[in-house]
Amino acid sequence: MPLHTPEYKKFVEILVRARVEKNVSQIELSKRLGKTQQFVSRCEVGERRLDFVEFCEWSDALGFEGAALYLQIREALAKNST
């Protein structure tokens, strides 16, 4: 699956929105993840794909329950597919 499908772009948009809503900078998120700011940036612009484990870590670092964020993403994808 390519990095830049419409579904993946929506997924990334939701992750970015979640970070912004929590008022967390890329730098702060990178510290929470134990990664570089460049890692966060590359994920957010779609240059690097997140796997499921990283998604869970990302959710935890932002204080979201992974399941709740997953359901939000599924709902957004379902709206786009209809």
PDB file of N, CA and C in Angstrom:
ATOM      1  N   MET A   1       0.846  -1.182   0.000  1.00  0.00           N
ATOM      2  CA  MET A   1       0.000   0.000   0.000  1.00  0.00           C
ATOM      3  C   MET A   1       0.890   1.244   0.000  1.00  0.00           C
ATOM      4  N   PRO A   2       0.673   2.150  -0.925  1.00  0.00           N
ATOM      5  CA  PRO A   2       1.510   3.354  -0.979  1.00  0.00           C
ATOM      6  C   PRO A   2       1.328   4.247   0.241  1.00  0.00           C
ATOM      7  N   LEU A   3       2.334   5.057   0.486  1.00  0.00           N
ATOM      8  CA  LEU A   3       2.271   5.983   1.619  1.00  0.00           C
ATOM      9  C   LEU A   3       1.177   7.029   1.468  1.00  0.00           C
ATOM     10  N   HIS A   4       0.864   7.411   0.256  1.00  0.00           N
ATOM     11  CA  HIS A   4       0.025   8.580   0.053  1.00  0.00           C
ATOM     12  C   HIS A   4      -1.370   8.271  -0.478  1.00  0.00           C
ATOM     13  N   THR A   5      -2.004   7.233   0.013  1.00  0.00           N
ATOM     14  CA  THR A   5      -3.390   6.993  -0.349  1.00  0.00           C
ATOM     15  C   THR A   5      -4.254   8.036   0.351  1.00  0.00           C
ATOM     16  N   PRO A   6      -5.438   8.312  -0.160  1.00  0.00           N
ATOM     17  CA  PRO A   6      -6.332   9.255   0.529  1.00  0.00           C
ATOM     18  C   PRO A   6      -6.635   8.816   1.964  1.00  0.00           C
ATOM     19  N   GLU A   7      -6.753   7.529   2.172  1.00  0.00           N
ATOM     20  CA  GLU A   7      -7.038   7.024   3.520  1.00  0.00           C
ATOM     21  C   GLU A   7      -5.875   7.291   4.471  1.00  0.00           C
ATOM     22  N   TYR A   8      -4.659   7.072   3.988  1.00  0.00           N
ATOM     23  CA  TYR A   8      -3.509   7.310   4.847  1.00  0.00           C
ATOM     24  C   TYR A   8      -3.352   8.801   5.139  1.00  0.00           C
ATOM     25  N   LYS A   9      -3.609   9.628   4.140  1.00  0.00           N
ATOM     26  CA  LYS A   9      -3.546  11.075   4.360  1.00  0.00           C
ATOM     27  C   LYS A   9      -4.548  11.502   5.425  1.00  0.00           C
ATOM     28  N   LYS A  10      -5.736  10.929   5.402  1.00  0.00           N
ATOM     29  CA  LYS A  10      -6.752  11.239   6.414  1.00  0.00           C
ATOM     30  C   LYS A  10      -6.269  10.792   7.794  1.00  0.00           C
ATOM     31  N   PHE A  11      -5.677   9.608   7.859  1.00  0.00           N
ATOM     32  CA  PHE A  11      -5.115   9.081   9.100  1.00  0.00           C
ATOM     33  C   PHE A  11      -4.104  10.076   9.684  1.00  0.00           C
ATOM     34  N   VAL A  12      -3.207  10.563   8.849  1.00  0.00           N
ATOM     35  CA  VAL A  12      -2.184  11.508   9.300  1.00  0.00           C
ATOM     36  C   VAL A  12      -2.829  12.824   9.729  1.00  0.00           C
ATOM     37  N   GLU A  13      -3.817  13.292   8.976  1.00  0.00           N
ATOM     38  CA  GLU A  13      -4.516  14.527   9.352  1.00  0.00           C
ATOM     39  C   GLU A  13      -5.109  14.414  10.749  1.00  0.00           C
ATOM     40  N   ILE A  14      -5.681  13.276  11.053  1.00  0.00           N
ATOM     41  CA  ILE A  14      -6.290  13.072  12.371  1.00  0.00           C
ATOM     42  C   ILE A  14      -5.221  13.045  13.456  1.00  0.00           C
ATOM     43  N   LEU A  15      -4.085  12.415  13.183  1.00  0.00           N
ATOM     44  CA  LEU A  15      -2.998  12.400  14.168  1.00  0.00           C
ATOM     45  C   LEU A  15      -2.472  13.813  14.431  1.00  0.00           C
ATOM     46  N   VAL A  16      -2.315  14.583  13.379  1.00  0.00           N
ATOM     47  CA  VAL A  16      -1.840  15.960  13.546  1.00  0.00           C
ATOM     48  C   VAL A  16      -2.872  16.766  14.334  1.00  0.00           C
ATOM     49  N   ARG A  17      -4.141  16.628  13.967  1.00  0.00           N
ATOM     50  CA  ARG A  17      -5.198  17.359  14.670  1.00  0.00           C
ATOM     51  C   ARG A  17      -5.226  16.974  16.156  1.00  0.00           C
ATOM     52  N   ALA A  18      -5.048  15.686  16.446  1.00  0.00           N
ATOM     53  CA  ALA A  18      -5.034  15.235  17.838  1.00  0.00           C
ATOM     54  C   ALA A  18      -3.889  15.889  18.609  1.00  0.00           C
ATOM     55  N   ARG A  19      -2.725  15.976  17.973  1.00  0.00           N
ATOM     56  CA  ARG A  19      -1.576  16.611  18.633  1.00  0.00           C
ATOM     57  C   ARG A  19      -1.850  18.093  18.886  1.00  0.00           C
ATOM     58  N   VAL A  20      -2.384  18.766  17.879  1.00  0.00           N
ATOM     59  CA  VAL A  20      -2.665  20.199  17.997  1.00  0.00           C
ATOM     60  C   VAL A  20      -3.736  20.452  19.056  1.00  0.00           C
ATOM     61  N   GLU A  21      -4.778  19.615  19.075  1.00  0.00           N
ATOM     62  CA  GLU A  21      -5.843  19.776  20.073  1.00  0.00           C
ATOM     63  C   GLU A  21      -5.328  19.625  21.493  1.00  0.00           C
ATOM     64  N   LYS A  22      -4.309  18.805  21.665  1.00  0.00           N
ATOM     65  CA  LYS A  22      -3.707  18.632  22.993  1.00  0.00           C
ATOM     66  C   LYS A  22      -2.661  19.711  23.290  1.00  0.00           C
ATOM     67  N   ASN A  23      -2.479  20.631  22.313  1.00  0.00           N
ATOM     68  CA  ASN A  23      -1.520  21.725  22.464  1.00  0.00           C
ATOM     69  C   ASN A  23      -0.105  21.194  22.728  1.00  0.00           C
ATOM     70  N   VAL A  24       0.268  20.179  21.964  1.00  0.00           N
ATOM     71  CA  VAL A  24       1.586  19.556  22.082  1.00  0.00           C
ATOM     72  C   VAL A  24       2.361  19.862  20.806  1.00  0.00           C
ATOM     73  N   SER A  25       3.540  20.402  20.953  1.00  0.00           N
ATOM     74  CA  SER A  25       4.382  20.696  19.789  1.00  0.00           C
ATOM     75  C   SER A  25       5.019  19.406  19.278  1.00  0.00           C
ATOM     76  N   GLN A  26       5.540  19.476  18.068  1.00  0.00           N
ATOM     77  CA  GLN A  26       6.280  18.329  17.536  1.00  0.00           C
ATOM     78  C   GLN A  26       7.476  18.006  18.431  1.00  0.00           C
ATOM     79  N   ILE A  27       8.121  19.035  18.937  1.00  0.00           N
ATOM     80  CA  ILE A  27       9.286  18.818  19.801  1.00  0.00           C
ATOM     81  C   ILE A  27       8.879  18.101  21.079  1.00  0.00           C
ATOM     82  N   GLU A  28       7.784  18.555  21.689  1.00  0.00           N
ATOM     83  CA  GLU A  28       7.313  17.906  22.924  1.00  0.00           C
ATOM     84  C   GLU A  28       6.911  16.465  22.648  1.00  0.00           C
ATOM     85  N   LEU A  29       6.201  16.236  21.558  1.00  0.00           N
ATOM     86  CA  LEU A  29       5.795  14.868  21.224  1.00  0.00           C
ATOM     87  C   LEU A  29       7.018  13.999  20.993  1.00  0.00           C
ATOM     88  N   SER A  30       8.009  14.526  20.309  1.00  0.00           N
ATOM     89  CA  SER A  30       9.216  13.729  20.059  1.00  0.00           C
ATOM     90  C   SER A  30       9.898  13.332  21.365  1.00  0.00           C
ATOM     91  N   LYS A  31       9.917  14.250  22.331  1.00  0.00           N
ATOM     92  CA  LYS A  31      10.503  13.928  23.639  1.00  0.00           C
ATOM     93  C   LYS A  31       9.710  12.823  24.327  1.00  0.00           C
ATOM     94  N   ARG A  32       8.384  12.921  24.263  1.00  0.00           N
ATOM     95  CA  ARG A  32       7.531  11.900  24.887  1.00  0.00           C
ATOM     96  C   ARG A  32       7.712  10.536  24.238  1.00  0.00           C
ATOM     97  N   LEU A  33       7.984  10.549  22.936  1.00  0.00           N
ATOM     98  CA  LEU A  33       8.165   9.293  22.197  1.00  0.00           C
ATOM     99  C   LEU A  33       9.593   8.759  22.303  1.00  0.00           C
ATOM    100  N   GLY A  34      10.516   9.615  22.744  1.00  0.00           N
ATOM    101  CA  GLY A  34      11.922   9.218  22.751  1.00  0.00           C
ATOM    102  C   GLY A  34      12.489   9.172  21.339  1.00  0.00           C
ATOM    103  N   LYS A  35      11.963  10.028  20.484  1.00  0.00           N
ATOM    104  CA  LYS A  35      12.386  10.104  19.081  1.00  0.00           C
ATOM    105  C   LYS A  35      12.844  11.533  18.793  1.00  0.00           C
ATOM    106  N   THR A  36      13.260  11.778  17.574  1.00  0.00           N
ATOM    107  CA  THR A  36      13.648  13.122  17.176  1.00  0.00           C
ATOM    108  C   THR A  36      12.425  13.887  16.677  1.00  0.00           C
ATOM    109  N   GLN A  37      12.551  15.217  16.656  1.00  0.00           N
ATOM    110  CA  GLN A  37      11.490  16.046  16.090  1.00  0.00           C
ATOM    111  C   GLN A  37      11.345  15.737  14.606  1.00  0.00           C
ATOM    112  N   GLN A  38      12.449  15.421  13.959  1.00  0.00           N
ATOM    113  CA  GLN A  38      12.411  15.074  12.535  1.00  0.00           C
ATOM    114  C   GLN A  38      11.548  13.823  12.303  1.00  0.00           C
ATOM    115  N   PHE A  39      11.607  12.857  13.207  1.00  0.00           N
ATOM    116  CA  PHE A  39      10.773  11.660  13.103  1.00  0.00           C
ATOM    117  C   PHE A  39       9.297  12.053  13.096  1.00  0.00           C
ATOM    118  N   VAL A  40       8.905  12.903  14.044  1.00  0.00           N
ATOM    119  CA  VAL A  40       7.505  13.339  14.128  1.00  0.00           C
ATOM    120  C   VAL A  40       7.115  14.088  12.861  1.00  0.00           C
ATOM    121  N   SER A  41       7.959  14.994  12.432  1.00  0.00           N
ATOM    122  CA  SER A  41       7.681  15.772  11.230  1.00  0.00           C
ATOM    123  C   SER A  41       7.521  14.861  10.015  1.00  0.00           C
ATOM    124  N   ARG A  42       8.427  13.921   9.849  1.00  0.00           N
ATOM    125  CA  ARG A  42       8.370  13.023   8.686  1.00  0.00           C
ATOM    126  C   ARG A  42       7.102  12.184   8.704  1.00  0.00           C
ATOM    127  N   CYS A  43       6.667  11.787   9.882  1.00  0.00           N
ATOM    128  CA  CYS A  43       5.407  11.040   9.991  1.00  0.00           C
ATOM    129  C   CYS A  43       4.227  11.928   9.616  1.00  0.00           C
ATOM    130  N   GLU A  44       4.251  13.159  10.099  1.00  0.00           N
ATOM    131  CA  GLU A  44       3.121  14.063   9.881  1.00  0.00           C
ATOM    132  C   GLU A  44       3.001  14.548   8.440  1.00  0.00           C
ATOM    133  N   VAL A  45       4.079  14.570   7.703  1.00  0.00           N
ATOM    134  CA  VAL A  45       3.991  14.976   6.296  1.00  0.00           C
ATOM    135  C   VAL A  45       3.901  13.767   5.364  1.00  0.00           C
ATOM    136  N   GLY A  46       3.895  12.576   5.930  1.00  0.00           N
ATOM    137  CA  GLY A  46       3.721  11.370   5.129  1.00  0.00           C
ATOM    138  C   GLY A  46       4.985  10.811   4.514  1.00  0.00           C
ATOM    139  N   GLU A  47       6.136  11.299   4.944  1.00  0.00           N
ATOM    140  CA  GLU A  47       7.401  10.759   4.433  1.00  0.00           C
ATOM    141  C   GLU A  47       7.768   9.448   5.113  1.00  0.00           C
ATOM    142  N   ARG A  48       7.214   9.230   6.277  1.00  0.00           N
ATOM    143  CA  ARG A  48       7.470   8.001   7.022  1.00  0.00           C
ATOM    144  C   ARG A  48       6.146   7.447   7.490  1.00  0.00           C
ATOM    145  N   ARG A  49       5.954   6.175   7.262  1.00  0.00           N
ATOM    146  CA  ARG A  49       4.703   5.517   7.618  1.00  0.00           C
ATOM    147  C   ARG A  49       4.781   4.981   9.046  1.00  0.00           C
ATOM    148  N   LEU A  50       3.715   5.193   9.804  1.00  0.00           N
ATOM    149  CA  LEU A  50       3.636   4.655  11.166  1.00  0.00           C
ATOM    150  C   LEU A  50       3.083   3.239  11.127  1.00  0.00           C
ATOM    151  N   ASP A  51       3.663   2.365  11.926  1.00  0.00           N
ATOM    152  CA  ASP A  51       3.068   1.035  12.068  1.00  0.00           C
ATOM    153  C   ASP A  51       2.124   1.045  13.277  1.00  0.00           C
ATOM    154  N   PHE A  52       1.475  -0.068  13.530  1.00  0.00           N
ATOM    155  CA  PHE A  52       0.463  -0.122  14.576  1.00  0.00           C
ATOM    156  C   PHE A  52       1.056   0.141  15.957  1.00  0.00           C
ATOM    157  N   VAL A  53       2.206  -0.424  16.239  1.00  0.00           N
ATOM    158  CA  VAL A  53       2.842  -0.230  17.544  1.00  0.00           C
ATOM    159  C   VAL A  53       3.184   1.247  17.728  1.00  0.00           C
ATOM    160  N   GLU A  54       3.706   1.877  16.690  1.00  0.00           N
ATOM    161  CA  GLU A  54       4.023   3.308  16.769  1.00  0.00           C
ATOM    162  C   GLU A  54       2.758   4.140  16.940  1.00  0.00           C
ATOM    163  N   PHE A  55       1.669   3.754  16.280  1.00  0.00           N
ATOM    164  CA  PHE A  55       0.394   4.437  16.468  1.00  0.00           C
ATOM    165  C   PHE A  55      -0.028   4.380  17.940  1.00  0.00           C
ATOM    166  N   CYS A  56       0.116   3.214  18.552  1.00  0.00           N
ATOM    167  CA  CYS A  56      -0.241   3.071  19.969  1.00  0.00           C
ATOM    168  C   CYS A  56       0.644   3.960  20.846  1.00  0.00           C
ATOM    169  N   GLU A  57       1.932   3.991  20.554  1.00  0.00           N
ATOM    170  CA  GLU A  57       2.849   4.839  21.315  1.00  0.00           C
ATOM    171  C   GLU A  57       2.502   6.317  21.129  1.00  0.00           C
ATOM    172  N   TRP A  58       2.170   6.693  19.907  1.00  0.00           N
ATOM    173  CA  TRP A  58       1.791   8.070  19.577  1.00  0.00           C
ATOM    174  C   TRP A  58       0.543   8.452  20.379  1.00  0.00           C
ATOM    175  N   SER A  59      -0.456   7.566  20.374  1.00  0.00           N
ATOM    176  CA  SER A  59      -1.698   7.810  21.118  1.00  0.00           C
ATOM    177  C   SER A  59      -1.419   7.982  22.602  1.00  0.00           C
ATOM    178  N   ASP A  60      -0.631   7.087  23.148  1.00  0.00           N
ATOM    179  CA  ASP A  60      -0.281   7.163  24.571  1.00  0.00           C
ATOM    180  C   ASP A  60       0.461   8.463  24.894  1.00  0.00           C
ATOM    181  N   ALA A  61       1.383   8.848  24.020  1.00  0.00           N
ATOM    182  CA  ALA A  61       2.175  10.062  24.252  1.00  0.00           C
ATOM    183  C   ALA A  61       1.305  11.315  24.255  1.00  0.00           C
ATOM    184  N   LEU A  62       0.186  11.253  23.539  1.00  0.00           N
ATOM    185  CA  LEU A  62      -0.733  12.393  23.506  1.00  0.00           C
ATOM    186  C   LEU A  62      -1.831  12.284  24.559  1.00  0.00           C
ATOM    187  N   GLY A  63      -1.859  11.185  25.293  1.00  0.00           N
ATOM    188  CA  GLY A  63      -2.863  11.013  26.336  1.00  0.00           C
ATOM    189  C   GLY A  63      -4.208  10.540  25.822  1.00  0.00           C
ATOM    190  N   PHE A  64      -4.210   9.946  24.628  1.00  0.00           N
ATOM    191  CA  PHE A  64      -5.437   9.374  24.084  1.00  0.00           C
ATOM    192  C   PHE A  64      -5.462   7.889  24.343  1.00  0.00           C
ATOM    193  N   GLU A  65      -6.621   7.365  24.616  1.00  0.00           N
ATOM    194  CA  GLU A  65      -6.768   5.917  24.617  1.00  0.00           C
ATOM    195  C   GLU A  65      -6.698   5.486  23.160  1.00  0.00           C
ATOM    196  N   GLY A  66      -5.817   4.546  22.863  1.00  0.00           N
ATOM    197  CA  GLY A  66      -5.615   4.109  21.486  1.00  0.00           C
ATOM    198  C   GLY A  66      -6.900   3.696  20.801  1.00  0.00           C
ATOM    199  N   ALA A  67      -7.766   2.999  21.521  1.00  0.00           N
ATOM    200  CA  ALA A  67      -9.020   2.528  20.922  1.00  0.00           C
ATOM    201  C   ALA A  67      -9.915   3.697  20.526  1.00  0.00           C
ATOM    202  N   ALA A  68      -9.952   4.738  21.336  1.00  0.00           N
ATOM    203  CA  ALA A  68     -10.798   5.893  21.032  1.00  0.00           C
ATOM    204  C   ALA A  68     -10.288   6.617  19.789  1.00  0.00           C
ATOM    205  N   LEU A  69      -8.990   6.782  19.687  1.00  0.00           N
ATOM    206  CA  LEU A  69      -8.422   7.434  18.513  1.00  0.00           C
ATOM    207  C   LEU A  69      -8.616   6.558  17.276  1.00  0.00           C
ATOM    208  N   TYR A  70      -8.473   5.258  17.439  1.00  0.00           N
ATOM    209  CA  TYR A  70      -8.705   4.318  16.337  1.00  0.00           C
ATOM    210  C   TYR A  70     -10.143   4.446  15.831  1.00  0.00           C
ATOM    211  N   LEU A  71     -11.107   4.498  16.729  1.00  0.00           N
ATOM    212  CA  LEU A  71     -12.505   4.617  16.319  1.00  0.00           C
ATOM    213  C   LEU A  71     -12.766   5.946  15.605  1.00  0.00           C
ATOM    214  N   GLN A  72     -12.123   7.008  16.054  1.00  0.00           N
ATOM    215  CA  GLN A  72     -12.247   8.302  15.392  1.00  0.00           C
ATOM    216  C   GLN A  72     -11.718   8.208  13.955  1.00  0.00           C
ATOM    217  N   ILE A  73     -10.611   7.533  13.782  1.00  0.00           N
ATOM    218  CA  ILE A  73     -10.022   7.364  12.456  1.00  0.00           C
ATOM    219  C   ILE A  73     -10.930   6.508  11.580  1.00  0.00           C
ATOM    220  N   ARG A  74     -11.443   5.412  12.124  1.00  0.00           N
ATOM    221  CA  ARG A  74     -12.343   4.529  11.356  1.00  0.00           C
ATOM    222  C   ARG A  74     -13.590   5.288  10.903  1.00  0.00           C
ATOM    223  N   GLU A  75     -14.126   6.105  11.789  1.00  0.00           N
ATOM    224  CA  GLU A  75     -15.333   6.891  11.451  1.00  0.00           C
ATOM    225  C   GLU A  75     -15.025   7.865  10.315  1.00  0.00           C
ATOM    226  N   ALA A  76     -13.904   8.537  10.396  1.00  0.00           N
ATOM    227  CA  ALA A  76     -13.524   9.491   9.342  1.00  0.00           C
ATOM    228  C   ALA A  76     -13.300   8.783   8.015  1.00  0.00           C
ATOM    229  N   LEU A  77     -12.689   7.626   8.034  1.00  0.00           N
ATOM    230  CA  LEU A  77     -12.458   6.886   6.809  1.00  0.00           C
ATOM    231  C   LEU A  77     -13.775   6.389   6.218  1.00  0.00           C
ATOM    232  N   ALA A  78     -14.696   5.978   7.075  1.00  0.00           N
ATOM    233  CA  ALA A  78     -16.001   5.516   6.581  1.00  0.00           C
ATOM    234  C   ALA A  78     -16.769   6.654   5.914  1.00  0.00           C
ATOM    235  N   LYS A  79     -16.671   7.858   6.467  1.00  0.00           N
ATOM    236  CA  LYS A  79     -17.343   9.025   5.873  1.00  0.00           C
ATOM    237  C   LYS A  79     -16.757   9.347   4.502  1.00  0.00           C
ATOM    238  N   ASN A  80     -15.450   9.184   4.365  1.00  0.00           N
ATOM    239  CA  ASN A  80     -14.788   9.479   3.090  1.00  0.00           C
ATOM    240  C   ASN A  80     -15.097   8.452   2.015  1.00  0.00           C
ATOM    241  N   SER A  81     -15.422   7.242   2.409  1.00  0.00           N
ATOM    242  CA  SER A  81     -15.638   6.187   1.433  1.00  0.00           C
ATOM    243  C   SER A  81     -17.066   6.136   0.913  1.00  0.00           C
ATOM    244  N   THR A  82     -17.962   6.911   1.524  1.00  0.00           N
ATOM    245  CA  THR A  82     -19.349   6.898   1.063  1.00  0.00           C
ATOM    246  C   THR A  82     -19.658   8.052   0.161  1.00  0.00           C
TER     247      THR A  82
END
